[in-house]
């Protein structure tokens, strides 16, 4: 938490008539960016959770040995024969 958020200090450039309004715009833009960043973080977290649930579902119902955790094919032993899918 910064001192301007705590309310016990003055924002910079308050006395400068040219820089004060620019600084206010910067602060407002930072607040908007913070809100958007928080929303994006929540959306990403939800998408990652949904993706993990879908992968878990697919692994239970399909051959989990088809692809490895890095997306590469794996060797599978099927009825005594080694095959690569």
Protein backbone atom coordinates (compact mmCIF):
# COMPACT_ATOMS: atom_id res chain seq x y z
CA UNK A 1 0.00 0.00 0.00
CA UNK A 2 1.40 3.36 -0.95
CA UNK A 3 1.26 6.43 1.21
CA UNK A 4 -1.29 8.06 -1.14
CA UNK A 5 -3.58 5.05 -0.63
CA UNK A 6 -3.19 5.36 3.13
CA UNK A 7 -4.10 9.03 2.90
CA UNK A 8 -1.23 10.30 4.98
CA UNK A 9 0.84 11.92 2.22
CA UNK A 10 0.29 14.21 -0.71
CA UNK A 11 0.54 13.03 -4.31
CA UNK A 12 3.57 14.28 -6.21
CA UNK A 13 3.30 17.37 -8.37
CA UNK A 14 0.29 18.68 -6.46
CA UNK A 15 1.69 22.23 -6.56
CA UNK A 16 2.73 22.06 -10.21
CA UNK A 17 -0.18 23.29 -12.35
CA UNK A 18 1.13 21.55 -15.45
CA UNK A 19 2.07 18.18 -13.95
CA UNK A 20 -0.74 17.75 -11.39
CA UNK A 21 -3.52 17.01 -13.93
CA UNK A 22 -1.22 14.67 -15.84
CA UNK A 23 -0.43 12.81 -12.62
CA UNK A 24 -4.15 12.52 -11.82
CA UNK A 25 -4.77 10.97 -15.24
CA UNK A 26 -1.91 8.55 -14.65
CA UNK A 27 -3.35 7.53 -11.28
CA UNK A 28 -6.80 7.01 -12.80
CA UNK A 29 -5.34 4.92 -15.63
CA UNK A 30 -3.39 2.81 -13.11
CA UNK A 31 -6.60 2.10 -11.18
CA UNK A 32 -8.37 1.01 -14.38
CA UNK A 33 -5.44 -1.19 -15.39
CA UNK A 34 -5.37 -2.77 -11.93
CA UNK A 35 -9.07 -3.62 -12.20
CA UNK A 36 -8.67 -5.08 -15.70
CA UNK A 37 -5.63 -7.07 -14.60
CA UNK A 38 -7.57 -8.50 -11.66
CA UNK A 39 -10.47 -9.46 -13.92
CA UNK A 40 -8.11 -11.08 -16.43
CA UNK A 41 -6.47 -13.03 -13.62
CA UNK A 42 -9.83 -14.37 -12.48
CA UNK A 43 -10.79 -15.32 -16.04
CA UNK A 44 -7.48 -17.11 -16.59
CA UNK A 45 -7.88 -18.99 -13.33
CA UNK A 46 -11.38 -20.10 -14.35
CA UNK A 47 -10.20 -21.22 -17.81
CA UNK A 48 -7.30 -23.15 -16.31
CA UNK A 49 -9.68 -24.89 -13.89
CA UNK A 50 -12.11 -25.76 -16.70
CA UNK A 51 -9.26 -27.08 -18.87
CA UNK A 52 -7.97 -29.22 -16.01
CA UNK A 53 -11.46 -30.63 -15.41
CA UNK A 54 -11.82 -31.46 -19.10
CA UNK A 55 -8.41 -33.15 -19.20
CA UNK A 56 -9.29 -35.20 -16.14
CA UNK A 57 -12.58 -36.22 -17.77
CA UNK A 58 -10.85 -37.23 -21.00
CA UNK A 59 -8.10 -39.18 -19.23
CA UNK A 60 -10.70 -41.23 -17.36
CA UNK A 61 -12.65 -42.12 -20.51
CA UNK A 62 -9.95 -42.37 -23.14
CA UNK A 63 -6.59 -44.05 -23.32
CA UNK A 64 -4.47 -42.07 -20.90
CA UNK A 65 -1.31 -43.59 -22.40
CA UNK A 66 -1.94 -42.14 -25.86
CA UNK A 67 -0.05 -38.92 -25.19
CA UNK A 68 2.37 -38.02 -22.46
CA UNK A 69 2.17 -34.97 -20.25
CA UNK A 70 4.18 -32.94 -22.79
CA UNK A 71 1.83 -33.75 -25.68
CA UNK A 72 4.22 -36.25 -27.29
CA UNK A 73 3.21 -39.76 -28.33
CA UNK A 74 4.24 -42.60 -26.08
CA UNK A 75 5.10 -46.21 -26.76
CA UNK A 76 2.29 -48.58 -25.82
CA UNK A 77 2.54 -52.32 -25.39
CA UNK A 78 -0.56 -53.89 -26.94
CA UNK A 79 -0.91 -57.68 -26.80
CA UNK A 80 2.82 -58.21 -26.71
CA UNK A 81 3.67 -55.87 -29.60
CA UNK A 82 5.31 -52.54 -29.11
CA UNK A 83 3.54 -49.86 -31.11
CA UNK A 84 3.90 -46.13 -31.33
CA UNK A 85 0.84 -43.98 -31.72
